[in-house]
Amino acid sequence: MTETVIDLIRHGEPAGGRRYRGHNIDDPLTEKGWSQMWNAVGEYAEWHQIITSPLQRCQRFAHELGERRGINVAVESRFKEVGFGAWEGLSHDEVKIDRADEYHAFLKDPVNHRPHAAEPLDDFIQRVGSAYEETIEHYRGSHVLIVAHAGVMRAIIAKTVHASPSGLYRIKISNGGITRIRHTETGGVLELLNGKLSD
C-alpha cells in the first residue's frame, strides 16, 4: 500500500472569546485566528487536496489557502464540530461556575454525562470516523489537509491510537495547531501534534 498522509489543522481563534461553539455557532475568525493558521502552514503547498468543515471558521481559510496554493477544496459536512446542546454559546467560565456539577460530571465521563440536548459522543465519533475512513480510501497515496475543529481532531487521533472515547477531552488541540497522521499497510501513526509546517 502506498502511504497516505493526512494533515489536520484546527481553526484559529474565533470571534467571541473562549466558549462552547459546537456546530450551531458559526463565528468568523479574528485577525489573530487568521494569523495563527497562516503561521502554521507557512509556505507549505504539498497537499493534493484540502477538505474542510462547513463552518466558516474553517471553510473561509480552507478556500483562501486552496486559491493561493492552487489546491482543490471540498466541503465535508461530517467534519463539523460536535453539538454541545445547552452549553452552546456559553463561555467556559459560565459553564465551570454556573454549572459546576454538570461540568465536573462531564470531565469525568464525557460519554455518559453530556450537556442537555448535546450530540451523543458515540454518534459524533461515528460520523467523523466514517468521513475520515472515506477520505483515506478516496485519496489513497495522496497528501490531504483537513481543516476542522478540536473535537473532530480528537476523535480522529483517538481512533488512530485506539484510545477510549472517555479520554477524548484529555487531548489538547491548539488553535492553528497541525496534526499529522501517516497511514501505511500497518495502519495510522500519529507523527505530529499541535505543530507547524513553517518551521
Protein backbone atom coordinates (compact mmCIF):
# COMPACT_ATOMS: atom_id res chain seq x y z
CA MET A 1 0.00 0.00 0.00
CA THR A 2 1.23 3.48 -0.83
CA GLU A 3 1.49 5.82 2.13
CA THR A 4 -1.37 8.25 2.67
CA VAL A 5 -0.54 11.34 4.72
CA ILE A 6 -3.29 13.30 6.44
CA ASP A 7 -2.59 16.71 7.95
CA LEU A 8 -5.25 18.26 10.15
CA ILE A 9 -5.33 21.90 11.20
CA ARG A 10 -7.60 23.32 13.86
CA HIS A 11 -9.20 26.66 13.03
CA GLY A 12 -7.65 29.73 14.61
CA GLU A 13 -9.17 31.88 17.34
CA PRO A 14 -12.81 32.73 16.55
CA ALA A 15 -14.60 35.98 17.40
CA GLY A 16 -16.47 35.91 20.70
CA GLY A 17 -13.76 34.57 23.01
CA ARG A 18 -13.49 31.13 24.60
CA ARG A 19 -16.87 29.49 24.56
CA TYR A 20 -18.62 26.30 23.59
CA ARG A 21 -19.46 26.69 19.92
CA GLY A 22 -20.31 23.22 18.77
CA HIS A 23 -21.83 23.14 15.31
CA ASN A 24 -24.68 25.60 15.90
CA ILE A 25 -22.45 28.64 16.48
CA ASP A 26 -20.68 29.86 13.35
CA ASP A 27 -18.35 32.66 14.46
CA PRO A 28 -15.78 34.02 11.99
CA LEU A 29 -12.06 34.04 12.74
CA THR A 30 -10.43 37.03 14.41
CA GLU A 31 -7.35 38.62 12.84
CA LYS A 32 -5.32 36.63 15.37
CA GLY A 33 -7.13 33.48 14.27
CA TRP A 34 -6.19 34.05 10.62
CA SER A 35 -2.57 34.71 11.65
CA GLN A 36 -2.42 31.51 13.70
CA MET A 37 -3.44 29.45 10.67
CA TRP A 38 -1.20 31.19 8.14
CA ASN A 39 1.75 30.94 10.54
CA ALA A 40 1.14 27.22 10.97
CA VAL A 41 1.11 26.39 7.25
CA GLY A 42 3.84 28.85 6.24
CA GLU A 43 4.67 28.43 2.55
CA TYR A 44 3.81 24.73 2.54
CA ALA A 45 1.96 23.64 -0.60
CA GLU A 46 2.46 19.88 -0.91
CA TRP A 47 -1.17 18.82 -0.42
CA HIS A 48 -3.10 17.19 -3.25
CA GLN A 49 -6.49 18.03 -1.72
CA ILE A 50 -7.98 20.21 1.04
CA ILE A 51 -11.13 19.08 2.86
CA THR A 52 -12.94 21.40 5.26
CA SER A 53 -15.71 21.56 7.80
CA PRO A 54 -18.67 23.60 6.51
CA LEU A 55 -18.39 26.13 9.36
CA GLN A 56 -16.89 29.47 8.37
CA ARG A 57 -14.13 29.40 11.00
CA CYS A 58 -12.69 26.53 8.93
CA GLN A 59 -14.12 26.93 5.45
CA ARG A 60 -13.06 30.51 4.73
CA PHE A 61 -9.40 29.76 5.46
CA ALA A 62 -9.55 26.48 3.50
CA HIS A 63 -10.84 28.21 0.39
CA GLU A 64 -8.33 31.05 0.63
CA LEU A 65 -5.46 28.59 1.15
CA GLY A 66 -6.66 26.50 -1.80
CA GLU A 67 -6.88 29.56 -4.01
CA ARG A 68 -3.40 30.80 -3.07
CA ARG A 69 -1.73 27.40 -3.49
CA GLY A 70 -3.78 26.10 -6.44
CA ILE A 71 -5.25 23.16 -4.49
CA ASN A 72 -8.81 21.86 -4.86
CA VAL A 73 -11.08 22.29 -1.81
CA ALA A 74 -14.03 20.07 -0.85
CA VAL A 75 -16.53 20.64 1.99
CA GLU A 76 -17.38 17.63 4.19
CA SER A 77 -20.35 18.28 6.48
CA ARG A 78 -19.46 15.34 8.74
CA PHE A 79 -16.31 17.20 9.82
CA LYS A 80 -18.36 19.89 11.62
CA GLU A 81 -17.81 20.20 15.38
CA VAL A 82 -19.68 18.10 17.94
CA GLY A 83 -23.02 19.54 19.08
CA PHE A 84 -22.79 20.86 22.66
CA GLY A 85 -26.55 21.30 23.21
CA ALA A 86 -27.39 23.59 26.12
CA TRP A 87 -23.76 24.67 26.50
CA GLU A 88 -23.52 26.18 23.02
CA GLY A 89 -22.78 29.89 23.22
CA LEU A 90 -21.77 29.75 26.89
CA SER A 91 -18.27 30.77 27.92
CA HIS A 92 -16.02 28.21 29.58
CA ASP A 93 -16.22 30.18 32.84
CA GLU A 94 -20.03 30.28 32.74
CA VAL A 95 -20.13 26.51 32.50
CA LYS A 96 -17.40 25.93 35.12
CA ILE A 97 -19.01 28.28 37.65
CA ASP A 98 -22.76 28.28 36.96
CA ARG A 99 -23.00 24.61 36.01
CA ALA A 100 -20.17 23.25 38.15
CA ASP A 101 -21.80 19.86 38.86
CA GLU A 102 -22.58 19.30 35.16
CA TYR A 103 -19.09 20.41 34.18
CA HIS A 104 -17.29 18.06 36.60
CA ALA A 105 -19.53 15.14 35.66
CA PHE A 106 -18.76 15.82 32.00
CA LEU A 107 -14.99 15.92 32.60
CA LYS A 108 -15.09 12.60 34.50
CA ASP A 109 -17.34 10.85 31.98
CA PRO A 110 -17.93 12.78 28.73
CA VAL A 111 -19.65 9.76 27.17
CA ASN A 112 -22.50 9.41 29.68
CA HIS A 113 -22.69 12.95 31.08
CA ARG A 114 -23.30 15.12 28.02
CA PRO A 115 -24.70 18.66 28.24
CA HIS A 116 -28.51 18.66 27.85
CA ALA A 117 -29.52 18.02 24.21
CA ALA A 118 -25.87 17.56 23.16
CA GLU A 119 -24.92 15.24 20.34
CA PRO A 120 -24.12 11.78 21.78
CA LEU A 121 -20.35 11.29 21.75
CA ASP A 122 -20.60 7.85 20.13
CA ASP A 123 -22.70 9.32 17.29
CA PHE A 124 -20.16 12.11 16.80
CA ILE A 125 -17.22 9.68 16.73
CA GLN A 126 -19.10 7.50 14.24
CA ARG A 127 -19.84 10.36 11.82
CA VAL A 128 -16.30 11.74 11.97
CA GLY A 129 -14.82 8.25 11.70
CA SER A 130 -16.86 7.35 8.63
CA ALA A 131 -15.89 10.60 6.87
CA TYR A 132 -12.22 10.02 7.76
CA GLU A 133 -12.21 6.41 6.53
CA GLU A 134 -13.78 7.52 3.25
CA THR A 135 -11.14 10.25 2.92
CA ILE A 136 -8.28 7.76 3.38
CA GLU A 137 -9.86 5.37 0.88
CA HIS A 138 -10.67 8.01 -1.73
CA TYR A 139 -7.29 9.76 -1.52
CA ARG A 140 -5.12 6.68 -1.06
CA GLY A 141 -1.46 7.51 -1.76
CA SER A 142 -2.12 11.26 -1.52
CA HIS A 143 -1.32 14.04 0.93
CA VAL A 144 -4.50 15.67 2.24
CA LEU A 145 -5.17 18.61 4.56
CA ILE A 146 -8.34 18.55 6.69
CA VAL A 147 -9.39 21.92 8.16
CA ALA A 148 -11.55 21.19 11.19
CA HIS A 149 -12.24 21.58 14.91
CA ALA A 150 -10.70 20.40 18.18
CA GLY A 151 -13.42 17.77 18.70
CA VAL A 152 -13.06 16.38 15.19
CA MET A 153 -9.29 16.15 15.54
CA ARG A 154 -9.59 14.48 18.96
CA ALA A 155 -11.95 11.88 17.50
CA ILE A 156 -9.54 11.12 14.64
CA ILE A 157 -6.49 10.98 16.93
CA ALA A 158 -8.30 8.69 19.39
CA LYS A 159 -9.31 6.39 16.53
CA THR A 160 -5.72 6.30 15.25
CA VAL A 161 -4.16 5.39 18.61
CA HIS A 162 -7.10 3.21 19.74
CA ALA A 163 -7.90 5.45 22.72
CA SER A 164 -11.17 5.23 24.61
CA PRO A 165 -13.84 7.89 23.89
CA SER A 166 -13.83 8.69 27.62
CA GLY A 167 -10.34 10.17 27.20
CA LEU A 168 -11.21 12.41 24.25
CA TYR A 169 -11.09 15.69 26.19
CA ARG A 170 -7.66 14.83 27.63
CA ILE A 171 -6.10 15.63 24.24
CA LYS A 172 -5.12 19.30 23.95
CA ILE A 173 -5.64 20.75 20.47
CA SER A 174 -4.27 24.27 19.94
CA ASN A 175 -5.82 26.93 17.70
CA GLY A 176 -3.95 26.74 14.40
CA GLY A 177 -2.13 23.59 15.53
CA ILE A 178 -1.29 20.96 12.91
CA THR A 179 -1.53 17.23 13.46
CA ARG A 180 -0.07 14.69 11.00
CA ILE A 181 -1.13 11.06 10.66
CA ARG A 182 0.69 8.74 8.25
CA HIS A 183 -1.20 5.68 7.02
CA THR A 184 0.63 2.58 5.78
CA GLU A 185 -0.36 -1.08 5.40
CA THR A 186 0.02 -1.45 9.19
CA GLY A 187 -2.39 1.40 10.00
CA GLY A 188 -2.10 5.02 11.04
CA VAL A 189 0.73 6.56 13.06
CA LEU A 190 0.44 9.91 14.83
CA GLU A 191 3.58 11.82 13.81
CA LEU A 192 2.86 15.41 14.85
CA LEU A 193 0.53 17.09 17.35
CA ASN A 194 -0.05 20.87 17.64
CA GLY A 195 2.85 21.55 15.31
CA LYS A 196 3.64 23.99 12.48
CA LEU A 197 4.76 23.36 8.93
CA SER A 198 6.51 26.74 8.77
CA ASP A 199 9.42 25.67 11.00
